[in-house]
Every structure is written in structure tokens, then in C-alpha cells.
Amino acid sequence: MLSMPADDKTQFDAAATIVSSAMKDIEDLPVIPREIQDILTIKPGERHRWLADGRLLSAGTRTVRLAGRARQITFHVFDPRVVEDLLDRGLVDQWRDEDVEAAAENRRRAAYKAKLTRSLKNAPKSATSANPASDEADVSLAGWEEFGREGFLR
């Protein structure tokens, strides 16, 4: 809120004009990463993960050189309308639930794979699996003796 003494009406009008012109296009400015984290109450890891898998859409990138640093940094910026839509639809909570389910599934899959690896490592090797030629001798097919007597393609 802008307040000034009542006798400075011309200065108040000039200041109000400057502020209103500065605020006119503010809703079109892109949202930077720290702001989107504050607005959506998300952690940087969630922002990176959702950006990487396409759930959080970037409006582009910005490259800046910070004061006192030789290197430039590049970061994603976000459209304020997309951020507003995410808030309105409550997608952040839904994405967190999906992440929890995916992590649980990955843990189950890894536990099964580890169990399978341990069982294969500890299983005794049988003689038949070591010698595949012996597997052929153990096969008994109906009519095999008859085929052997008559010969091949008689």
C-alpha cells in the first residue's frame, strides 16, 4: 500500500503511475526456480525430477552471470499460468503420491532381483544342466525305436 501526506497529491499521483506501470506486465514475467519452489511448496529434488520426466513444463531457460563470479549459470523458468494451473488442480499432491508408489515398486523389484541373484548363486549345479548332450539321451519320444529301425526318410 502506498501512502503519502495528503498535501502531496501531485507526487502521490506520479508515484502511483510509476508503480502501476511497473506492475502492469508483472503477471507475464516467468517464474524462477526458487519462486516456483516457494509457490508450490516443493523441494529442489522434486522440481528436478518432475522437470526431467516432463510433468513440470519449462517455459525456457535463462543464463545469468552472478556478481563476483566468473561462470554463468543457466536455469529453467516457468510460465506463471502453468504454475497457477498446477495449484488449482492440486497436481503436486498427486505427483507426490505417484512418486511414493513408484519408489515402493522399485524397492519391490530390486528386492526380488536380489533374491533371485542370491538363489541362483547358492543353488547347486546339477549334472544334467552342465552336460546338455546327456539331456538328449534322456528324452524318450513315442515311436523313436520304430524310426530308428526304418531309417531316415524311407
N, C-alpha and C. Protein backbone atom coordinates (compact mmCIF):
# COMPACT_ATOMS: atom_id res chain seq x y z
N MET A 1 0.85 -1.17 0.00
CA MET A 1 0.00 0.00 0.00
C MET A 1 0.90 1.23 0.00
N LEU A 2 0.56 2.16 -0.85
CA LEU A 2 1.33 3.39 -0.99
C LEU A 2 0.62 4.50 -0.22
N SER A 3 1.34 5.14 0.69
CA SER A 3 0.74 6.25 1.44
C SER A 3 1.71 7.42 1.50
N MET A 4 1.13 8.63 1.39
CA MET A 4 1.90 9.86 1.42
C MET A 4 1.05 10.92 2.11
N PRO A 5 1.67 12.00 2.51
CA PRO A 5 0.87 13.08 3.11
C PRO A 5 -0.19 13.60 2.14
N ALA A 6 -1.31 14.05 2.65
CA ALA A 6 -2.44 14.48 1.84
C ALA A 6 -2.13 15.71 0.99
N ASP A 7 -1.22 16.58 1.43
CA ASP A 7 -0.93 17.79 0.66
C ASP A 7 -0.02 17.53 -0.53
N ASP A 8 0.53 16.31 -0.68
CA ASP A 8 1.41 15.97 -1.81
C ASP A 8 0.66 15.16 -2.87
N LYS A 9 -0.49 15.65 -3.28
CA LYS A 9 -1.33 14.92 -4.24
C LYS A 9 -0.63 14.70 -5.57
N THR A 10 0.11 15.66 -6.07
CA THR A 10 0.78 15.51 -7.36
C THR A 10 1.90 14.46 -7.28
N GLN A 11 2.65 14.47 -6.18
CA GLN A 11 3.70 13.45 -6.01
C GLN A 11 3.09 12.06 -5.85
N PHE A 12 1.96 11.98 -5.15
CA PHE A 12 1.28 10.70 -4.96
C PHE A 12 0.81 10.17 -6.31
N ASP A 13 0.21 11.01 -7.14
CA ASP A 13 -0.25 10.58 -8.46
C ASP A 13 0.91 10.13 -9.34
N ALA A 14 2.02 10.84 -9.26
CA ALA A 14 3.19 10.45 -10.06
C ALA A 14 3.75 9.10 -9.60
N ALA A 15 3.83 8.91 -8.28
CA ALA A 15 4.33 7.63 -7.75
C ALA A 15 3.36 6.49 -8.08
N ALA A 16 2.06 6.75 -7.98
CA ALA A 16 1.06 5.72 -8.30
C ALA A 16 1.14 5.34 -9.77
N THR A 17 1.40 6.28 -10.64
CA THR A 17 1.53 6.00 -12.08
C THR A 17 2.75 5.12 -12.34
N ILE A 18 3.85 5.45 -11.69
CA ILE A 18 5.08 4.66 -11.86
C ILE A 18 4.87 3.23 -11.38
N VAL A 19 4.26 3.08 -10.20
CA VAL A 19 4.03 1.74 -9.64
C VAL A 19 3.07 0.95 -10.51
N SER A 20 1.99 1.56 -10.95
CA SER A 20 1.01 0.83 -11.76
C SER A 20 1.60 0.43 -13.12
N SER A 21 2.45 1.28 -13.70
CA SER A 21 3.07 0.90 -14.98
C SER A 21 4.08 -0.24 -14.77
N ALA A 22 4.76 -0.25 -13.64
CA ALA A 22 5.71 -1.34 -13.35
C ALA A 22 4.98 -2.65 -13.07
N MET A 23 3.79 -2.57 -12.47
CA MET A 23 3.04 -3.77 -12.11
C MET A 23 2.18 -4.30 -13.26
N LYS A 24 2.05 -3.51 -14.34
CA LYS A 24 1.15 -3.89 -15.43
C LYS A 24 1.54 -5.22 -16.06
N ASP A 25 2.80 -5.44 -16.33
CA ASP A 25 3.25 -6.65 -17.02
C ASP A 25 3.88 -7.68 -16.09
N ILE A 26 3.72 -7.50 -14.80
CA ILE A 26 4.39 -8.40 -13.86
C ILE A 26 3.82 -9.82 -13.91
N GLU A 27 2.55 -9.95 -14.26
CA GLU A 27 1.97 -11.29 -14.30
C GLU A 27 2.42 -12.09 -15.51
N ASP A 28 3.10 -11.46 -16.45
CA ASP A 28 3.63 -12.17 -17.61
C ASP A 28 5.09 -12.57 -17.44
N LEU A 29 5.72 -12.12 -16.36
CA LEU A 29 7.12 -12.47 -16.12
C LEU A 29 7.26 -13.95 -15.78
N PRO A 30 8.31 -14.61 -16.26
CA PRO A 30 8.49 -16.03 -15.94
C PRO A 30 8.84 -16.21 -14.45
N VAL A 31 8.50 -17.39 -13.95
CA VAL A 31 8.75 -17.74 -12.56
C VAL A 31 10.09 -18.46 -12.48
N ILE A 32 10.98 -18.01 -11.61
CA ILE A 32 12.29 -18.64 -11.47
C ILE A 32 12.19 -19.84 -10.54
N PRO A 33 13.20 -20.71 -10.54
CA PRO A 33 13.12 -21.95 -9.75
C PRO A 33 12.84 -21.75 -8.26
N ARG A 34 13.49 -20.82 -7.63
CA ARG A 34 13.27 -20.62 -6.21
C ARG A 34 11.83 -20.17 -5.94
N GLU A 35 11.29 -19.34 -6.81
CA GLU A 35 9.92 -18.89 -6.64
C GLU A 35 8.93 -20.02 -6.82
N ILE A 36 9.15 -20.89 -7.83
CA ILE A 36 8.21 -21.98 -8.04
C ILE A 36 8.26 -22.97 -6.88
N GLN A 37 9.44 -23.14 -6.29
CA GLN A 37 9.55 -24.00 -5.12
C GLN A 37 8.76 -23.42 -3.96
N ASP A 38 8.81 -22.11 -3.78
CA ASP A 38 8.05 -21.47 -2.72
C ASP A 38 6.55 -21.51 -2.99
N ILE A 39 6.16 -21.24 -4.23
CA ILE A 39 4.74 -21.20 -4.57
C ILE A 39 4.10 -22.57 -4.43
N LEU A 40 4.76 -23.60 -4.96
CA LEU A 40 4.20 -24.96 -4.94
C LEU A 40 4.58 -25.75 -3.69
N THR A 41 5.41 -25.16 -2.84
CA THR A 41 5.96 -25.81 -1.64
C THR A 41 6.56 -27.17 -2.00
N ILE A 42 7.51 -27.13 -2.94
CA ILE A 42 8.21 -28.35 -3.34
C ILE A 42 9.69 -28.20 -3.03
N LYS A 43 10.37 -29.32 -3.02
CA LYS A 43 11.81 -29.35 -2.78
C LYS A 43 12.55 -29.29 -4.12
N PRO A 44 13.81 -28.88 -4.09
CA PRO A 44 14.57 -28.83 -5.35
C PRO A 44 14.65 -30.19 -6.04
N GLY A 45 14.75 -31.27 -5.27
CA GLY A 45 14.80 -32.60 -5.87
C GLY A 45 13.53 -32.94 -6.62
N GLU A 46 12.39 -32.56 -6.04
CA GLU A 46 11.12 -32.79 -6.73
C GLU A 46 11.04 -31.97 -8.01
N ARG A 47 11.49 -30.73 -7.93
CA ARG A 47 11.48 -29.87 -9.12
C ARG A 47 12.34 -30.48 -10.22
N HIS A 48 13.53 -30.94 -9.90
CA HIS A 48 14.42 -31.54 -10.90
C HIS A 48 13.82 -32.82 -11.47
N ARG A 49 13.27 -33.68 -10.61
CA ARG A 49 12.70 -34.95 -11.07
C ARG A 49 11.49 -34.71 -11.97
N TRP A 50 10.60 -33.81 -11.58
CA TRP A 50 9.40 -33.55 -12.37
C TRP A 50 9.72 -32.83 -13.66
N LEU A 51 10.75 -32.01 -13.65
CA LEU A 51 11.19 -31.34 -14.87
C LEU A 51 11.80 -32.35 -15.83
N ALA A 52 12.58 -33.29 -15.29
CA ALA A 52 13.24 -34.30 -16.13
C ALA A 52 12.24 -35.25 -16.77
N ASP A 53 11.19 -35.65 -16.03
CA ASP A 53 10.26 -36.61 -16.61
C ASP A 53 9.08 -35.94 -17.32
N GLY A 54 9.09 -34.61 -17.43
CA GLY A 54 8.12 -33.91 -18.25
C GLY A 54 6.83 -33.52 -17.56
N ARG A 55 6.71 -33.77 -16.27
CA ARG A 55 5.49 -33.37 -15.58
C ARG A 55 5.44 -31.86 -15.35
N LEU A 56 6.57 -31.28 -15.03
CA LEU A 56 6.67 -29.84 -14.81
C LEU A 56 7.25 -29.23 -16.08
N LEU A 57 6.46 -28.41 -16.75
CA LEU A 57 6.85 -27.88 -18.05
C LEU A 57 7.64 -26.58 -17.91
N SER A 58 8.75 -26.53 -18.60
CA SER A 58 9.61 -25.35 -18.59
C SER A 58 9.16 -24.38 -19.68
N ALA A 59 9.26 -23.09 -19.39
CA ALA A 59 8.94 -22.07 -20.40
C ALA A 59 10.20 -21.63 -21.13
N GLY A 60 11.33 -22.23 -20.80
CA GLY A 60 12.59 -21.88 -21.42
C GLY A 60 13.69 -21.81 -20.38
N THR A 61 14.82 -21.32 -20.78
CA THR A 61 15.95 -21.19 -19.86
C THR A 61 16.45 -19.75 -19.88
N ARG A 62 17.10 -19.41 -18.80
CA ARG A 62 17.75 -18.10 -18.68
C ARG A 62 19.19 -18.35 -18.25
N THR A 63 20.10 -17.56 -18.78
CA THR A 63 21.50 -17.64 -18.40
C THR A 63 21.90 -16.30 -17.81
N VAL A 64 22.47 -16.35 -16.62
CA VAL A 64 22.89 -15.11 -15.96
C VAL A 64 24.30 -15.30 -15.42
N ARG A 65 24.97 -14.18 -15.26
CA ARG A 65 26.27 -14.18 -14.62
C ARG A 65 26.10 -13.50 -13.29
N LEU A 66 26.35 -14.24 -12.22
CA LEU A 66 26.19 -13.69 -10.88
C LEU A 66 27.33 -12.73 -10.57
N ALA A 67 27.04 -11.73 -9.78
CA ALA A 67 28.05 -10.73 -9.43
C ALA A 67 29.18 -11.40 -8.65
N GLY A 68 30.40 -11.10 -9.05
CA GLY A 68 31.55 -11.64 -8.36
C GLY A 68 31.94 -13.05 -8.78
N ARG A 69 31.27 -13.59 -9.77
CA ARG A 69 31.59 -14.94 -10.23
C ARG A 69 31.97 -14.90 -11.71
N ALA A 70 32.88 -15.76 -12.06
CA ALA A 70 33.35 -15.79 -13.45
C ALA A 70 32.42 -16.62 -14.33
N ARG A 71 31.75 -17.61 -13.74
CA ARG A 71 30.92 -18.52 -14.52
C ARG A 71 29.50 -18.02 -14.64
N GLN A 72 28.85 -18.47 -15.68
CA GLN A 72 27.44 -18.18 -15.87
C GLN A 72 26.63 -19.38 -15.41
N ILE A 73 25.40 -19.15 -14.97
CA ILE A 73 24.52 -20.26 -14.63
C ILE A 73 23.29 -20.20 -15.52
N THR A 74 22.81 -21.36 -15.88
CA THR A 74 21.61 -21.48 -16.70
C THR A 74 20.57 -22.24 -15.90
N PHE A 75 19.35 -21.75 -15.90
CA PHE A 75 18.28 -22.40 -15.15
C PHE A 75 16.98 -22.30 -15.94
N HIS A 76 16.05 -23.19 -15.63
CA HIS A 76 14.74 -23.20 -16.27
C HIS A 76 13.85 -22.16 -15.62
N VAL A 77 13.00 -21.55 -16.41
CA VAL A 77 11.97 -20.65 -15.90
C VAL A 77 10.61 -21.24 -16.30
N PHE A 78 9.57 -20.80 -15.61
CA PHE A 78 8.26 -21.42 -15.77
C PHE A 78 7.21 -20.36 -16.05
N ASP A 79 6.21 -20.73 -16.83
CA ASP A 79 5.10 -19.84 -17.18
C ASP A 79 4.20 -19.68 -15.95
N PRO A 80 3.87 -18.46 -15.56
CA PRO A 80 3.04 -18.27 -14.37
C PRO A 80 1.64 -18.87 -14.51
N ARG A 81 1.12 -18.96 -15.72
CA ARG A 81 -0.20 -19.57 -15.90
C ARG A 81 -0.16 -21.07 -15.65
N VAL A 82 0.95 -21.71 -16.02
CA VAL A 82 1.11 -23.14 -15.76
C VAL A 82 1.22 -23.38 -14.25
N VAL A 83 1.95 -22.52 -13.57
CA VAL A 83 2.09 -22.65 -12.12
C VAL A 83 0.73 -22.48 -11.44
N GLU A 84 -0.04 -21.51 -11.90
CA GLU A 84 -1.38 -21.29 -11.35
C GLU A 84 -2.27 -22.50 -11.60
N ASP A 85 -2.18 -23.09 -12.79
CA ASP A 85 -2.97 -24.27 -13.12
C ASP A 85 -2.58 -25.45 -12.23
N LEU A 86 -1.28 -25.61 -11.97
CA LEU A 86 -0.83 -26.70 -11.09
C LEU A 86 -1.42 -26.53 -9.69
N LEU A 87 -1.45 -25.30 -9.21
CA LEU A 87 -2.03 -25.04 -7.90
C LEU A 87 -3.53 -25.31 -7.88
N ASP A 88 -4.22 -24.86 -8.90
CA ASP A 88 -5.67 -25.03 -8.95
C ASP A 88 -6.09 -26.49 -9.03
N ARG A 89 -5.36 -27.28 -9.80
CA ARG A 89 -5.74 -28.69 -9.98
C ARG A 89 -5.17 -29.60 -8.91
N GLY A 90 -4.27 -29.11 -8.06
CA GLY A 90 -3.71 -29.93 -6.99
C GLY A 90 -2.82 -31.05 -7.50
N LEU A 91 -2.13 -30.82 -8.59
CA LEU A 91 -1.31 -31.87 -9.19
C LEU A 91 -0.07 -32.20 -8.37
N VAL A 92 0.40 -31.27 -7.57
CA VAL A 92 1.62 -31.52 -6.79
C VAL A 92 1.41 -32.69 -5.84
N ASP A 93 0.27 -32.72 -5.15
CA ASP A 93 -0.01 -33.83 -4.23
C ASP A 93 -0.15 -35.15 -4.99
N GLN A 94 -0.80 -35.09 -6.15
CA GLN A 94 -0.95 -36.30 -6.97
C GLN A 94 0.42 -36.81 -7.42
N TRP A 95 1.30 -35.91 -7.84
CA TRP A 95 2.64 -36.31 -8.28
C TRP A 95 3.43 -36.91 -7.13
N ARG A 96 3.28 -36.35 -5.94
CA ARG A 96 3.99 -36.92 -4.78
C ARG A 96 3.50 -38.33 -4.49
N ASP A 97 2.18 -38.56 -4.58
CA ASP A 97 1.65 -39.91 -4.38
C ASP A 97 2.19 -40.88 -5.42
N GLU A 98 2.25 -40.43 -6.68
CA GLU A 98 2.79 -41.28 -7.74
C GLU A 98 4.26 -41.61 -7.49
N ASP A 99 5.01 -40.63 -6.98
CA ASP A 99 6.42 -40.86 -6.68
C ASP A 99 6.60 -41.88 -5.57
N VAL A 100 5.74 -41.82 -4.55
CA VAL A 100 5.81 -42.78 -3.45
C VAL A 100 5.51 -44.19 -3.97
N GLU A 101 4.49 -44.31 -4.81
CA GLU A 101 4.14 -45.62 -5.37
C GLU A 101 5.27 -46.15 -6.27
N ALA A 102 5.86 -45.29 -7.07
CA ALA A 102 6.95 -45.72 -7.96
C ALA A 102 8.16 -46.15 -7.14
N ALA A 103 8.46 -45.44 -6.06
CA ALA A 103 9.59 -45.81 -5.22
C ALA A 103 9.34 -47.17 -4.56
N ALA A 104 8.11 -47.39 -4.10
CA ALA A 104 7.79 -48.68 -3.49
C ALA A 104 7.91 -49.81 -4.50
N GLU A 105 7.44 -49.58 -5.72
CA GLU A 105 7.55 -50.60 -6.76
C GLU A 105 9.01 -50.87 -7.10
N ASN A 106 9.83 -49.83 -7.18
CA ASN A 106 11.25 -50.01 -7.46
C ASN A 106 11.93 -50.80 -6.35
N ARG A 107 11.55 -50.54 -5.10
CA ARG A 107 12.13 -51.31 -3.99
C ARG A 107 11.72 -52.78 -4.07
N ARG A 108 10.43 -53.04 -4.38
CA ARG A 108 9.98 -54.43 -4.52
C ARG A 108 10.73 -55.13 -5.64
N ARG A 109 10.89 -54.44 -6.78
CA ARG A 109 11.58 -55.04 -7.92
C ARG A 109 13.05 -55.32 -7.58
N ALA A 110 13.70 -54.40 -6.89
CA ALA A 110 15.10 -54.59 -6.52
C ALA A 110 15.25 -55.72 -5.51
N ALA A 111 14.30 -55.84 -4.57
CA ALA A 111 14.35 -56.92 -3.60
C ALA A 111 14.17 -58.27 -4.28
N TYR A 112 13.24 -58.35 -5.25
CA TYR A 112 13.05 -59.60 -5.97
C TYR A 112 14.29 -59.96 -6.78
N LYS A 113 14.89 -58.97 -7.43
CA LYS A 113 16.09 -59.22 -8.23
C LYS A 113 17.24 -59.70 -7.34
N ALA A 114 17.38 -59.10 -6.16
CA ALA A 114 18.43 -59.52 -5.24
C ALA A 114 18.18 -60.93 -4.74
N LYS A 115 16.92 -61.25 -4.46
CA LYS A 115 16.57 -62.59 -4.01
C LYS A 115 16.86 -63.62 -5.10
N LEU A 116 16.52 -63.29 -6.33
CA LEU A 116 16.79 -64.19 -7.45
C LEU A 116 18.28 -64.39 -7.64
N THR A 117 19.05 -63.33 -7.54
CA THR A 117 20.50 -63.43 -7.68
C THR A 117 21.10 -64.30 -6.58
N ARG A 118 20.64 -64.10 -5.35
CA ARG A 118 21.13 -64.93 -4.24
C ARG A 118 20.76 -66.39 -4.43
N SER A 119 19.54 -66.66 -4.89
CA SER A 119 19.12 -68.05 -5.06
C SER A 119 19.91 -68.74 -6.18
N LEU A 120 20.21 -68.00 -7.24
CA LEU A 120 20.99 -68.59 -8.32
C LEU A 120 22.45 -68.81 -7.91
N LYS A 121 22.95 -67.95 -7.07
CA LYS A 121 24.33 -68.07 -6.61
C LYS A 121 24.47 -69.26 -5.66
N ASN A 122 23.46 -69.51 -4.84
CA ASN A 122 23.53 -70.56 -3.82
C ASN A 122 23.00 -71.91 -4.30
N ALA A 123 22.37 -71.96 -5.46
CA ALA A 123 21.79 -73.21 -5.96
C ALA A 123 22.90 -74.15 -6.41
N PRO A 124 22.80 -75.47 -6.06
CA PRO A 124 23.82 -76.43 -6.52
C PRO A 124 23.64 -76.69 -8.02
N LYS A 125 24.75 -76.88 -8.69
CA LYS A 125 24.70 -77.13 -10.12
C LYS A 125 24.45 -78.62 -10.34
N SER A 126 23.46 -78.93 -11.16
CA SER A 126 23.14 -80.34 -11.43
C SER A 126 23.99 -80.83 -12.60
N ALA A 127 24.16 -82.14 -12.67
CA ALA A 127 24.98 -82.74 -13.72
C ALA A 127 24.31 -82.61 -15.07
N THR A 128 22.98 -82.64 -15.11
CA THR A 128 22.31 -82.57 -16.41
C THR A 128 22.42 -81.19 -17.02
N SER A 129 22.40 -80.15 -16.21
CA SER A 129 22.49 -78.81 -16.79
C SER A 129 23.92 -78.51 -17.23
N ALA A 130 24.90 -79.20 -16.65
CA ALA A 130 26.29 -78.97 -17.04
C ALA A 130 26.60 -79.65 -18.36
N ASN A 131 25.92 -80.76 -18.68
CA ASN A 131 26.18 -81.51 -19.90
C ASN A 131 24.90 -81.57 -20.74
N PRO A 132 24.72 -80.70 -21.70
CA PRO A 132 23.49 -80.69 -22.49
C PRO A 132 23.33 -81.93 -23.36
N ALA A 133 24.41 -82.63 -23.71
CA ALA A 133 24.29 -83.84 -24.53
C ALA A 133 23.57 -84.94 -23.77
N SER A 134 23.72 -84.98 -22.46
CA SER A 134 23.04 -86.01 -21.68
C SER A 134 21.55 -85.75 -21.64
N ASP A 135 21.11 -84.49 -21.81
CA ASP A 135 19.69 -84.18 -21.85
C ASP A 135 19.04 -84.83 -23.06
N GLU A 136 19.75 -84.91 -24.19
CA GLU A 136 19.20 -85.51 -25.39
C GLU A 136 19.03 -87.02 -25.24
N ALA A 137 19.92 -87.66 -24.51
CA ALA A 137 19.85 -89.10 -24.34
C ALA A 137 18.69 -89.49 -23.44
N ASP A 138 18.29 -88.62 -22.52
CA ASP A 138 17.21 -88.93 -21.59
C ASP A 138 15.84 -88.74 -22.19
N VAL A 139 15.73 -88.12 -23.35
CA VAL A 139 14.44 -87.84 -23.96
C VAL A 139 13.89 -89.12 -24.55
N SER A 140 12.65 -89.43 -24.21
CA SER A 140 12.02 -90.63 -24.80
C SER A 140 10.82 -90.17 -25.60
N LEU A 141 10.92 -90.35 -26.91
CA LEU A 141 9.85 -89.95 -27.81
C LEU A 141 9.09 -91.17 -28.27
N ALA A 142 7.79 -91.01 -28.42
CA ALA A 142 6.96 -92.12 -28.90
C ALA A 142 7.32 -92.43 -30.35
N GLY A 143 7.58 -93.70 -30.65
CA GLY A 143 7.90 -94.11 -32.00
C GLY A 143 9.35 -93.93 -32.39
N TRP A 144 10.23 -93.64 -31.46
CA TRP A 144 11.63 -93.40 -31.77
C TRP A 144 12.34 -94.68 -32.23
N GLU A 145 12.03 -95.78 -31.55
CA GLU A 145 12.66 -97.05 -31.93
C GLU A 145 12.23 -97.46 -33.34
N GLU A 146 10.97 -97.25 -33.65
CA GLU A 146 10.44 -97.59 -34.96
C GLU A 146 11.12 -96.74 -36.03
N PHE A 147 11.36 -95.50 -35.75
CA PHE A 147 12.04 -94.60 -36.68
C PHE A 147 13.47 -95.05 -36.90
N GLY A 148 14.11 -95.50 -35.82
CA GLY A 148 15.48 -95.97 -35.93
C GLY A 148 15.58 -97.23 -36.77
N ARG A 149 14.59 -98.13 -36.68
CA ARG A 149 14.61 -99.37 -37.46
C ARG A 149 14.40 -99.09 -38.94
N GLU A 150 13.47 -98.20 -39.28
CA GLU A 150 13.15 -97.96 -40.67
C GLU A 150 14.14 -97.04 -41.35
N GLY A 151 14.85 -96.28 -40.59
CA GLY A 151 15.83 -95.37 -41.18
C GLY A 151 15.21 -94.02 -41.55
N PHE A 152 16.07 -93.12 -41.91
CA PHE A 152 15.67 -91.75 -42.20
C PHE A 152 15.05 -91.66 -43.58
N LEU A 153 13.85 -91.17 -43.69
CA LEU A 153 13.13 -90.90 -44.93
C LEU A 153 13.06 -92.12 -45.86
N ARG A 154 12.60 -93.23 -45.37
CA ARG A 154 12.44 -94.41 -46.23
C ARG A 154 11.08 -94.49 -46.78
